[in-house]
Amino acid sequence: MSELDDYATFVAILETGSLTAAARRTGRSLQTVSRALAELESSLGTQLIQRTTRKLHATPAGAAFLDRIRPALADIEAAREAARNEGDAPQGKLRVAAPTLLGASWLTPVAANFMQRWPGIQVELVLSERLSDLVAEGIDVAIRVGELADSALRARPLAQLRRVFFAAPGWLQQHGTPQNPEQLAALPCVLRTIGRDRRQWPVRVDGALRLIPVTGPFSANDAAAANEAVACGLGLGMAPLWQIRRMLDAGRVQIVLQDNEPPGVPLQAVWPGGGKLARRTRLFIDHLAQEANAQRW
């Protein structure tokens, strides 16, 4: 196995969380994958992966190494693909699934830029809050927010979505700016009736994650409606930063409790495992990664 293959195997191990899943993704034997990891760690002189009974995790050195080599490997694969297809303009249709709000506000202009670069490719967006069955629905690639539960899917991390607490300037003048997360329990909050954070908001206190119970007079089952309610002064809100970026830039809302923000949520491109990835799909995934890297999340 070449050194480049060892790097790709290392990435597959961390993205799938196990040696067995990495072997399945790379089409190599479990023994080969295990030996590749051992040889890579030996050549670098440091431990890259922490082994636990449930899942494999990157050590600090492994995480730093992963961040450096993953985009490089993607660039190399893209160069290989371009060389194989030099002179052949990609064509065909792409079905792309995404959450509704993210699809309308971010993915649509991203797709438009992609189609201008590759006019032979047609894009169909399938927007929904439910998780699509990629194989059954003929989805080429999907945008997922959160940890990936289905190990049968291939994935490429795109970004970490920052989650913030925010309120309208007028509301802050009336109620005061909260100085510690415990105050959330006593202040009117705008609630979302779907998702994990319906009645309890995660906050970080002294490096530890806590859940604060929240209540309020207004709730909604739609993210855009909940965010607008906060801008209208109905209470404090919590949302991914990208959802309220325009409101923030326009001065309609302000961020509070920045030191207590919960950890970011991963944004990933996922696609069915197995088989060769169509060139148009690979190009679109590369385009997603470039656009996500340039975004203020």
C-alpha atoms as a PDB file:
ATOM      1  CA  MET A   1       0.000   0.000   0.000  1.00  0.00           C
ATOM      2  CA  SER A   2       1.369   3.457  -0.907  1.00  0.00           C
ATOM      3  CA  GLU A   3       1.809   6.261   1.615  1.00  0.00           C
ATOM      4  CA  LEU A   4      -1.049   8.124  -0.084  1.00  0.00           C
ATOM      5  CA  ASP A   5      -3.286   5.088   0.390  1.00  0.00           C
ATOM      6  CA  ASP A   6      -2.301   5.022   4.071  1.00  0.00           C
ATOM      7  CA  TYR A   7      -3.436   8.617   4.419  1.00  0.00           C
ATOM      8  CA  ALA A   8      -6.766   7.868   2.733  1.00  0.00           C
ATOM      9  CA  THR A   9      -7.249   4.861   5.017  1.00  0.00           C
ATOM     10  CA  PHE A  10      -6.544   7.012   8.086  1.00  0.00           C
ATOM     11  CA  VAL A  11      -9.193   9.519   6.980  1.00  0.00           C
ATOM     12  CA  ALA A  12     -11.690   6.694   6.372  1.00  0.00           C
ATOM     13  CA  ILE A  13     -11.065   5.285   9.869  1.00  0.00           C
ATOM     14  CA  LEU A  14     -11.894   8.579  11.569  1.00  0.00           C
ATOM     15  CA  GLU A  15     -14.848   9.419   9.320  1.00  0.00           C
ATOM     16  CA  THR A  16     -16.472   6.011   9.871  1.00  0.00           C
ATOM     17  CA  GLY A  17     -15.397   5.533  13.494  1.00  0.00           C
ATOM     18  CA  SER A  18     -14.141   1.961  13.145  1.00  0.00           C
ATOM     19  CA  LEU A  19     -11.559  -0.159  11.366  1.00  0.00           C
ATOM     20  CA  THR A  20     -14.267  -2.465  10.029  1.00  0.00           C
ATOM     21  CA  ALA A  21     -16.271   0.354   8.463  1.00  0.00           C
ATOM     22  CA  ALA A  22     -13.098   1.876   7.028  1.00  0.00           C
ATOM     23  CA  ALA A  23     -12.213  -1.471   5.460  1.00  0.00           C
ATOM     24  CA  ARG A  24     -15.660  -1.649   3.902  1.00  0.00           C
ATOM     25  CA  ARG A  25     -15.398   1.891   2.527  1.00  0.00           C
ATOM     26  CA  THR A  26     -11.908   1.472   1.080  1.00  0.00           C
ATOM     27  CA  GLY A  27     -12.484  -2.043  -0.218  1.00  0.00           C
ATOM     28  CA  ARG A  28      -9.532  -3.404   1.764  1.00  0.00           C
ATOM     29  CA  SER A  29      -9.275  -6.135   4.323  1.00  0.00           C
ATOM     30  CA  LEU A  30      -9.530  -5.373   8.040  1.00  0.00           C
ATOM     31  CA  GLN A  31      -5.979  -6.655   8.499  1.00  0.00           C
ATOM     32  CA  THR A  32      -4.675  -4.320   5.795  1.00  0.00           C
ATOM     33  CA  VAL A  33      -6.432  -1.320   7.316  1.00  0.00           C
ATOM     34  CA  SER A  34      -5.093  -2.109  10.791  1.00  0.00           C
ATOM     35  CA  ARG A  35      -1.565  -2.559   9.442  1.00  0.00           C
ATOM     36  CA  ALA A  36      -1.793   0.715   7.481  1.00  0.00           C
ATOM     37  CA  LEU A  37      -2.709   2.633  10.636  1.00  0.00           C
ATOM     38  CA  ALA A  38       0.105   1.030  12.615  1.00  0.00           C
ATOM     39  CA  GLU A  39       2.656   1.801   9.903  1.00  0.00           C
ATOM     40  CA  LEU A  40       1.460   5.395   9.595  1.00  0.00           C
ATOM     41  CA  GLU A  41       1.699   5.999  13.343  1.00  0.00           C
ATOM     42  CA  SER A  42       5.129   4.361  13.370  1.00  0.00           C
ATOM     43  CA  SER A  43       6.412   6.499  10.505  1.00  0.00           C
ATOM     44  CA  LEU A  44       5.168   9.700  12.162  1.00  0.00           C
ATOM     45  CA  GLY A  45       6.351   8.677  15.608  1.00  0.00           C
ATOM     46  CA  THR A  46       3.097   9.565  17.355  1.00  0.00           C
ATOM     47  CA  GLN A  47      -0.299   8.082  18.187  1.00  0.00           C
ATOM     48  CA  LEU A  48      -2.989   9.361  15.835  1.00  0.00           C
ATOM     49  CA  ILE A  49      -6.061   7.490  17.052  1.00  0.00           C
ATOM     50  CA  GLN A  50      -7.362   6.807  20.564  1.00  0.00           C
ATOM     51  CA  ARG A  51      -8.990   3.404  20.748  1.00  0.00           C
ATOM     52  CA  THR A  52     -12.041   2.948  23.021  1.00  0.00           C
ATOM     53  CA  THR A  53     -14.553   0.130  23.368  1.00  0.00           C
ATOM     54  CA  ARG A  54     -17.242   2.032  21.402  1.00  0.00           C
ATOM     55  CA  LYS A  55     -15.519   4.175  18.797  1.00  0.00           C
ATOM     56  CA  LEU A  56     -12.174   5.363  17.539  1.00  0.00           C
ATOM     57  CA  HIS A  57     -11.310   9.010  18.177  1.00  0.00           C
ATOM     58  CA  ALA A  58      -8.489  11.209  16.956  1.00  0.00           C
ATOM     59  CA  THR A  59      -5.788  12.227  19.406  1.00  0.00           C
ATOM     60  CA  PRO A  60      -4.852  15.929  19.318  1.00  0.00           C
ATOM     61  CA  ALA A  61      -2.015  15.042  16.951  1.00  0.00           C
ATOM     62  CA  GLY A  62      -4.382  12.920  14.852  1.00  0.00           C
ATOM     63  CA  ALA A  63      -6.988  15.676  14.630  1.00  0.00           C
ATOM     64  CA  ALA A  64      -4.389  18.202  13.482  1.00  0.00           C
ATOM     65  CA  PHE A  65      -3.008  15.719  10.939  1.00  0.00           C
ATOM     66  CA  LEU A  66      -6.530  14.993   9.665  1.00  0.00           C
ATOM     67  CA  ASP A  67      -7.288  18.692   9.165  1.00  0.00           C
ATOM     68  CA  ARG A  68      -4.174  19.093   7.036  1.00  0.00           C
ATOM     69  CA  ILE A  69      -4.355  15.996   4.846  1.00  0.00           C
ATOM     70  CA  ARG A  70      -8.107  15.718   4.189  1.00  0.00           C
ATOM     71  CA  PRO A  71      -8.356  18.758   1.876  1.00  0.00           C
ATOM     72  CA  ALA A  72      -5.080  17.743   0.237  1.00  0.00           C
ATOM     73  CA  LEU A  73      -6.418  14.262  -0.514  1.00  0.00           C
ATOM     74  CA  ALA A  74      -9.619  15.781  -1.896  1.00  0.00           C
ATOM     75  CA  ASP A  75      -7.565  18.027  -4.181  1.00  0.00           C
ATOM     76  CA  ILE A  76      -5.492  15.073  -5.380  1.00  0.00           C
ATOM     77  CA  GLU A  77      -8.591  13.024  -6.136  1.00  0.00           C
ATOM     78  CA  ALA A  78     -10.148  15.955  -7.951  1.00  0.00           C
ATOM     79  CA  ALA A  79      -6.965  16.346 -10.015  1.00  0.00           C
ATOM     80  CA  ARG A  80      -7.018  12.654 -10.879  1.00  0.00           C
ATOM     81  CA  GLU A  81     -10.631  12.864 -11.926  1.00  0.00           C
ATOM     82  CA  ALA A  82      -9.979  15.942 -14.029  1.00  0.00           C
ATOM     83  CA  ALA A  83      -7.063  14.241 -15.752  1.00  0.00           C
ATOM     84  CA  ARG A  84      -9.165  11.156 -16.504  1.00  0.00           C
ATOM     85  CA  ASN A  85     -11.923  13.277 -17.963  1.00  0.00           C
ATOM     86  CA  GLU A  86      -9.932  16.050 -19.630  1.00  0.00           C
ATOM     87  CA  GLY A  87     -11.948  17.471 -22.478  1.00  0.00           C
ATOM     88  CA  ASP A  88     -15.189  15.725 -21.500  1.00  0.00           C
ATOM     89  CA  ALA A  89     -17.767  18.195 -20.171  1.00  0.00           C
ATOM     90  CA  PRO A  90     -19.837  16.569 -17.370  1.00  0.00           C
ATOM     91  CA  GLN A  91     -23.534  16.226 -18.076  1.00  0.00           C
ATOM     92  CA  GLY A  92     -26.661  14.834 -16.469  1.00  0.00           C
ATOM     93  CA  LYS A  93     -28.988  15.496 -13.575  1.00  0.00           C
ATOM     94  CA  LEU A  94     -28.199  15.801  -9.887  1.00  0.00           C
ATOM     95  CA  ARG A  95     -30.832  15.276  -7.182  1.00  0.00           C
ATOM     96  CA  VAL A  96     -29.718  17.099  -4.054  1.00  0.00           C
ATOM     97  CA  ALA A  97     -31.546  16.852  -0.710  1.00  0.00           C
ATOM     98  CA  ALA A  98     -31.253  19.424   2.078  1.00  0.00           C
ATOM     99  CA  PRO A  99     -33.165  20.991   4.995  1.00  0.00           C
ATOM    100  CA  THR A 100     -35.663  23.559   3.732  1.00  0.00           C
ATOM    101  CA  LEU A 101     -34.220  26.759   5.203  1.00  0.00           C
ATOM    102  CA  LEU A 102     -30.616  25.860   4.434  1.00  0.00           C
ATOM    103  CA  GLY A 103     -31.581  24.855   0.911  1.00  0.00           C
ATOM    104  CA  ALA A 104     -33.337  28.119   0.184  1.00  0.00           C
ATOM    105  CA  SER A 105     -30.835  30.509   1.770  1.00  0.00           C
ATOM    106  CA  TRP A 106     -27.454  28.865   1.066  1.00  0.00           C
ATOM    107  CA  LEU A 107     -27.689  25.861  -1.212  1.00  0.00           C
ATOM    108  CA  THR A 108     -29.684  27.519  -3.992  1.00  0.00           C
ATOM    109  CA  PRO A 109     -27.054  30.190  -4.799  1.00  0.00           C
ATOM    110  CA  VAL A 110     -24.344  27.546  -4.412  1.00  0.00           C
ATOM    111  CA  ALA A 111     -26.120  25.366  -6.972  1.00  0.00           C
ATOM    112  CA  ALA A 112     -26.578  28.356  -9.281  1.00  0.00           C
ATOM    113  CA  ASN A 113     -22.839  29.073  -9.247  1.00  0.00           C
ATOM    114  CA  PHE A 114     -22.125  25.412  -9.908  1.00  0.00           C
ATOM    115  CA  MET A 115     -24.480  25.294 -12.895  1.00  0.00           C
ATOM    116  CA  GLN A 116     -22.874  28.387 -14.381  1.00  0.00           C
ATOM    117  CA  ARG A 117     -19.522  26.602 -14.188  1.00  0.00           C
ATOM    118  CA  TRP A 118     -20.936  23.337 -15.584  1.00  0.00           C
ATOM    119  CA  PRO A 119     -23.892  24.223 -17.856  1.00  0.00           C
ATOM    120  CA  GLY A 120     -24.358  20.599 -18.913  1.00  0.00           C
ATOM    121  CA  ILE A 121     -25.493  19.603 -15.411  1.00  0.00           C
ATOM    122  CA  GLN A 122     -29.069  20.059 -14.173  1.00  0.00           C
ATOM    123  CA  VAL A 123     -29.758  20.276 -10.429  1.00  0.00           C
ATOM    124  CA  GLU A 124     -32.996  19.304  -8.694  1.00  0.00           C
ATOM    125  CA  LEU A 125     -33.269  20.342  -5.041  1.00  0.00           C
ATOM    126  CA  VAL A 126     -35.367  18.162  -2.754  1.00  0.00           C
ATOM    127  CA  LEU A 127     -36.014  20.274   0.341  1.00  0.00           C
ATOM    128  CA  SER A 128     -37.566  18.800   3.475  1.00  0.00           C
ATOM    129  CA  GLU A 129     -37.064  18.645   7.229  1.00  0.00           C
ATOM    130  CA  ARG A 130     -37.184  14.854   7.182  1.00  0.00           C
ATOM    131  CA  LEU A 131     -34.135  12.740   6.353  1.00  0.00           C
ATOM    132  CA  SER A 132     -34.396  11.412   2.820  1.00  0.00           C
ATOM    133  CA  ASP A 133     -33.760   7.772   1.982  1.00  0.00           C
ATOM    134  CA  LEU A 134     -31.004   8.468  -0.509  1.00  0.00           C
ATOM    135  CA  VAL A 135     -31.154   5.161  -2.344  1.00  0.00           C
ATOM    136  CA  ALA A 136     -34.955   4.793  -2.449  1.00  0.00           C
ATOM    137  CA  GLU A 137     -35.472   8.406  -3.561  1.00  0.00           C
ATOM    138  CA  GLY A 138     -32.632   8.523  -6.051  1.00  0.00           C
ATOM    139  CA  ILE A 139     -30.722  11.233  -4.193  1.00  0.00           C
ATOM    140  CA  ASP A 140     -27.175  11.748  -5.443  1.00  0.00           C
ATOM    141  CA  VAL A 141     -25.998  13.834  -2.494  1.00  0.00           C
ATOM    142  CA  ALA A 142     -27.641  15.265   0.621  1.00  0.00           C
ATOM    143  CA  ILE A 143     -26.726  18.016   3.056  1.00  0.00           C
ATOM    144  CA  ARG A 144     -27.085  16.860   6.643  1.00  0.00           C
ATOM    145  CA  VAL A 145     -26.889  18.899   9.833  1.00  0.00           C
ATOM    146  CA  GLY A 146     -25.702  16.964  12.883  1.00  0.00           C
ATOM    147  CA  GLU A 147     -23.882  13.722  13.507  1.00  0.00           C
ATOM    148  CA  LEU A 148     -24.246  11.017  10.887  1.00  0.00           C
ATOM    149  CA  ALA A 149     -26.052   7.957  12.246  1.00  0.00           C
ATOM    150  CA  ASP A 150     -26.189   5.851   9.077  1.00  0.00           C
ATOM    151  CA  SER A 151     -22.738   4.271   8.619  1.00  0.00           C
ATOM    152  CA  ALA A 152     -23.745   2.971   5.185  1.00  0.00           C
ATOM    153  CA  LEU A 153     -23.439   6.514   3.824  1.00  0.00           C
ATOM    154  CA  ARG A 154     -20.254   8.196   2.713  1.00  0.00           C
ATOM    155  CA  ALA A 155     -19.675  11.652   4.142  1.00  0.00           C
ATOM    156  CA  ARG A 156     -17.515  14.718   3.708  1.00  0.00           C
ATOM    157  CA  PRO A 157     -17.459  17.288   6.526  1.00  0.00           C
ATOM    158  CA  LEU A 158     -18.172  20.798   5.287  1.00  0.00           C
ATOM    159  CA  ALA A 159     -18.270  23.035   8.366  1.00  0.00           C
ATOM    160  CA  GLN A 160     -19.089  23.389  12.040  1.00  0.00           C
ATOM    161  CA  LEU A 161     -22.258  25.428  12.533  1.00  0.00           C
ATOM    162  CA  ARG A 162     -21.931  27.867  15.415  1.00  0.00           C
ATOM    163  CA  ARG A 163     -25.019  28.095  17.686  1.00  0.00           C
ATOM    164  CA  VAL A 164     -25.724  31.433  19.331  1.00  0.00           C
ATOM    165  CA  PHE A 165     -28.092  33.116  21.790  1.00  0.00           C
ATOM    166  CA  PHE A 166     -29.615  36.334  20.486  1.00  0.00           C
ATOM    167  CA  ALA A 167     -32.291  38.972  21.076  1.00  0.00           C
ATOM    168  CA  ALA A 168     -33.659  42.187  19.589  1.00  0.00           C
ATOM    169  CA  PRO A 169     -31.950  45.419  20.746  1.00  0.00           C
ATOM    170  CA  GLY A 170     -35.272  46.790  22.037  1.00  0.00           C
ATOM    171  CA  TRP A 171     -35.904  43.633  24.030  1.00  0.00           C
ATOM    172  CA  LEU A 172     -32.447  43.893  25.604  1.00  0.00           C
ATOM    173  CA  GLN A 173     -33.108  47.498  26.579  1.00  0.00           C
ATOM    174  CA  GLN A 174     -36.331  46.444  28.288  1.00  0.00           C
ATOM    175  CA  HIS A 175     -35.145  43.259  30.010  1.00  0.00           C
ATOM    176  CA  GLY A 176     -31.405  43.827  30.239  1.00  0.00           C
ATOM    177  CA  THR A 177     -28.604  41.792  28.709  1.00  0.00           C
ATOM    178  CA  PRO A 178     -28.199  38.418  30.437  1.00  0.00           C
ATOM    179  CA  GLN A 179     -24.795  38.009  32.063  1.00  0.00           C
ATOM    180  CA  ASN A 180     -24.892  34.300  32.848  1.00  0.00           C
ATOM    181  CA  PRO A 181     -26.761  31.351  31.288  1.00  0.00           C
ATOM    182  CA  GLU A 182     -28.753  30.610  34.455  1.00  0.00           C
ATOM    183  CA  GLN A 183     -30.774  33.757  33.735  1.00  0.00           C
ATOM    184  CA  LEU A 184     -32.271  32.047  30.677  1.00  0.00           C
ATOM    185  CA  ALA A 185     -34.577  30.065  32.954  1.00  0.00           C
ATOM    186  CA  ALA A 186     -36.221  33.240  34.252  1.00  0.00           C
ATOM    187  CA  LEU A 187     -36.424  35.192  30.988  1.00  0.00           C
ATOM    188  CA  PRO A 188     -39.044  34.850  28.222  1.00  0.00           C
ATOM    189  CA  CYS A 189     -37.628  32.754  25.403  1.00  0.00           C
ATOM    190  CA  VAL A 190     -38.858  31.929  21.903  1.00  0.00           C
ATOM    191  CA  LEU A 191     -39.183  28.163  21.673  1.00  0.00           C
ATOM    192  CA  ARG A 192     -39.036  25.763  18.768  1.00  0.00           C
ATOM    193  CA  THR A 193     -41.494  22.894  19.051  1.00  0.00           C
ATOM    194  CA  ILE A 194     -39.323  20.495  17.035  1.00  0.00           C
ATOM    195  CA  GLY A 195     -35.796  19.244  17.573  1.00  0.00           C
ATOM    196  CA  ARG A 196     -33.775  18.452  20.656  1.00  0.00           C
ATOM    197  CA  ASP A 197     -33.725  21.960  22.110  1.00  0.00           C
ATOM    198  CA  ARG A 198     -37.470  22.428  22.591  1.00  0.00           C
ATOM    199  CA  ARG A 199     -37.612  22.926  26.362  1.00  0.00           C
ATOM    200  CA  GLN A 200     -33.956  22.852  27.383  1.00  0.00           C
ATOM    201  CA  TRP A 201     -31.111  24.824  25.845  1.00  0.00           C
ATOM    202  CA  PRO A 202     -27.520  23.558  25.968  1.00  0.00           C
ATOM    203  CA  VAL A 203     -25.008  25.993  27.424  1.00  0.00           C
ATOM    204  CA  ARG A 204     -21.318  25.713  28.177  1.00  0.00           C
ATOM    205  CA  VAL A 205     -20.249  26.612  31.708  1.00  0.00           C
ATOM    206  CA  ASP A 206     -16.591  26.303  32.742  1.00  0.00           C
ATOM    207  CA  GLY A 207     -15.976  23.957  29.854  1.00  0.00           C
ATOM    208  CA  ALA A 208     -18.853  21.607  30.739  1.00  0.00           C
ATOM    209  CA  LEU A 209     -22.142  21.302  28.886  1.00  0.00           C
ATOM    210  CA  ARG A 210     -25.340  21.944  30.860  1.00  0.00           C
ATOM    211  CA  LEU A 211     -29.029  22.040  29.977  1.00  0.00           C
ATOM    212  CA  ILE A 212     -31.057  25.065  31.091  1.00  0.00           C
ATOM    213  CA  PRO A 213     -34.885  24.762  31.138  1.00  0.00           C
ATOM    214  CA  VAL A 214     -36.529  27.574  29.160  1.00  0.00           C
ATOM    215  CA  THR A 215     -40.088  28.843  28.780  1.00  0.00           C
ATOM    216  CA  GLY A 216     -41.777  31.629  26.869  1.00  0.00           C
ATOM    217  CA  PRO A 217     -45.043  32.958  25.469  1.00  0.00           C
ATOM    218  CA  PHE A 218     -44.257  32.235  21.808  1.00  0.00           C
ATOM    219  CA  SER A 219     -43.283  28.992  20.080  1.00  0.00           C
ATOM    220  CA  ALA A 220     -43.158  27.781  16.486  1.00  0.00           C
ATOM    221  CA  ASN A 221     -42.442  24.601  14.576  1.00  0.00           C
ATOM    222  CA  ASP A 222     -40.510  26.548  11.943  1.00  0.00           C
ATOM    223  CA  ALA A 223     -37.007  27.976  12.360  1.00  0.00           C
ATOM    224  CA  ALA A 224     -37.597  31.073  10.227  1.00  0.00           C
ATOM    225  CA  ALA A 225     -40.760  31.939  12.175  1.00  0.00           C
ATOM    226  CA  ALA A 226     -39.008  31.483  15.515  1.00  0.00           C
ATOM    227  CA  ASN A 227     -36.081  33.673  14.454  1.00  0.00           C
ATOM    228  CA  GLU A 228     -38.425  36.392  13.197  1.00  0.00           C
ATOM    229  CA  ALA A 229     -40.287  36.299  16.513  1.00  0.00           C
ATOM    230  CA  VAL A 230     -37.036  37.023  18.333  1.00  0.00           C
ATOM    231  CA  ALA A 231     -36.325  39.943  15.978  1.00  0.00           C
ATOM    232  CA  CYS A 232     -39.831  41.233  16.749  1.00  0.00           C
ATOM    233  CA  GLY A 233     -39.010  41.355  20.456  1.00  0.00           C
ATOM    234  CA  LEU A 234     -40.934  38.340  21.735  1.00  0.00           C
ATOM    235  CA  GLY A 235     -38.027  36.889  23.679  1.00  0.00           C
ATOM    236  CA  LEU A 236     -34.535  35.439  23.616  1.00  0.00           C
ATOM    237  CA  GLY A 237     -33.691  32.892  20.957  1.00  0.00           C
ATOM    238  CA  MET A 238     -31.122  30.229  20.181  1.00  0.00           C
ATOM    239  CA  ALA A 239     -30.255  29.344  16.583  1.00  0.00           C
ATOM    240  CA  PRO A 240     -27.400  28.464  14.256  1.00  0.00           C
ATOM    241  CA  LEU A 241     -25.554  31.658  13.359  1.00  0.00           C
ATOM    242  CA  TRP A 242     -26.110  31.177   9.620  1.00  0.00           C
ATOM    243  CA  GLN A 243     -29.884  31.341  10.121  1.00  0.00           C
ATOM    244  CA  ILE A 244     -29.777  34.827  11.634  1.00  0.00           C
ATOM    245  CA  ARG A 245     -26.782  36.272   9.769  1.00  0.00           C
ATOM    246  CA  ARG A 246     -28.883  38.745   7.739  1.00  0.00           C
ATOM    247  CA  MET A 247     -30.793  39.872  10.832  1.00  0.00           C
ATOM    248  CA  LEU A 248     -27.508  40.325  12.676  1.00  0.00           C
ATOM    249  CA  ASP A 249     -25.896  42.307   9.857  1.00  0.00           C
ATOM    250  CA  ALA A 250     -29.015  44.517   9.625  1.00  0.00           C
ATOM    251  CA  GLY A 251     -28.908  45.253  13.364  1.00  0.00           C
ATOM    252  CA  ARG A 252     -32.259  43.599  14.043  1.00  0.00           C
ATOM    253  CA  VAL A 253     -30.739  41.225  16.613  1.00  0.00           C
ATOM    254  CA  GLN A 254     -27.671  41.063  18.833  1.00  0.00           C
ATOM    255  CA  ILE A 255     -25.709  38.050  20.083  1.00  0.00           C
ATOM    256  CA  VAL A 256     -25.487  37.527  23.851  1.00  0.00           C
ATOM    257  CA  LEU A 257     -23.768  35.023  26.158  1.00  0.00           C
ATOM    258  CA  GLN A 258     -20.986  34.338  23.655  1.00  0.00           C
ATOM    259  CA  ASP A 259     -18.795  32.674  26.295  1.00  0.00           C
ATOM    260  CA  ASN A 260     -21.548  30.130  26.967  1.00  0.00           C
ATOM    261  CA  GLU A 261     -22.358  29.021  23.433  1.00  0.00           C
ATOM    262  CA  PRO A 262     -22.775  25.250  23.020  1.00  0.00           C
ATOM    263  CA  PRO A 263     -20.458  23.273  20.713  1.00  0.00           C
ATOM    264  CA  GLY A 264     -20.990  23.669  16.984  1.00  0.00           C
ATOM    265  CA  VAL A 265     -23.028  21.224  14.943  1.00  0.00           C
ATOM    266  CA  PRO A 266     -21.393  19.473  11.973  1.00  0.00           C
ATOM    267  CA  LEU A 267     -22.572  20.209   8.449  1.00  0.00           C
ATOM    268  CA  GLN A 268     -21.869  17.318   6.085  1.00  0.00           C
ATOM    269  CA  ALA A 269     -22.377  16.241   2.504  1.00  0.00           C
ATOM    270  CA  VAL A 270     -23.473  12.599   2.371  1.00  0.00           C
ATOM    271  CA  TRP A 271     -24.046  10.152  -0.451  1.00  0.00           C
ATOM    272  CA  PRO A 272     -24.747   6.421  -0.817  1.00  0.00           C
ATOM    273  CA  GLY A 273     -21.783   4.143  -0.286  1.00  0.00           C
ATOM    274  CA  GLY A 274     -20.677   1.536  -2.781  1.00  0.00           C
ATOM    275  CA  GLY A 275     -20.032   1.916  -6.468  1.00  0.00           C
ATOM    276  CA  LYS A 276     -18.127   4.590  -8.354  1.00  0.00           C
ATOM    277  CA  LEU A 277     -19.195   8.167  -7.738  1.00  0.00           C
ATOM    278  CA  ALA A 278     -20.333   9.955 -10.899  1.00  0.00           C
ATOM    279  CA  ARG A 279     -18.073  12.774 -11.965  1.00  0.00           C
ATOM    280  CA  ARG A 280     -20.860  15.368 -11.754  1.00  0.00           C
ATOM    281  CA  THR A 281     -21.552  14.308  -8.156  1.00  0.00           C
ATOM    282  CA  ARG A 282     -17.904  14.494  -7.193  1.00  0.00           C
ATOM    283  CA  LEU A 283     -17.591  17.927  -8.767  1.00  0.00           C
ATOM    284  CA  PHE A 284     -20.645  19.134  -6.859  1.00  0.00           C
ATOM    285  CA  ILE A 285     -19.320  17.809  -3.543  1.00  0.00           C
ATOM    286  CA  ASP A 286     -15.997  19.589  -4.164  1.00  0.00           C
ATOM    287  CA  HIS A 287     -17.937  22.757  -4.966  1.00  0.00           C
ATOM    288  CA  LEU A 288     -19.939  22.424  -1.742  1.00  0.00           C
ATOM    289  CA  ALA A 289     -16.735  22.122   0.273  1.00  0.00           C
ATOM    290  CA  GLN A 290     -15.228  25.228  -1.337  1.00  0.00           C
ATOM    291  CA  GLU A 291     -18.383  27.279  -0.811  1.00  0.00           C
ATOM    292  CA  ALA A 292     -18.816  26.100   2.782  1.00  0.00           C
ATOM    293  CA  ASN A 293     -15.218  27.018   3.561  1.00  0.00           C
ATOM    294  CA  ALA A 294     -15.865  30.575   2.405  1.00  0.00           C
ATOM    295  CA  GLN A 295     -19.078  30.965   4.419  1.00  0.00           C
ATOM    296  CA  ARG A 296     -19.269  32.755   7.796  1.00  0.00           C
ATOM    297  CA  TRP A 297     -20.963  29.984   9.762  1.00  0.00           C
END
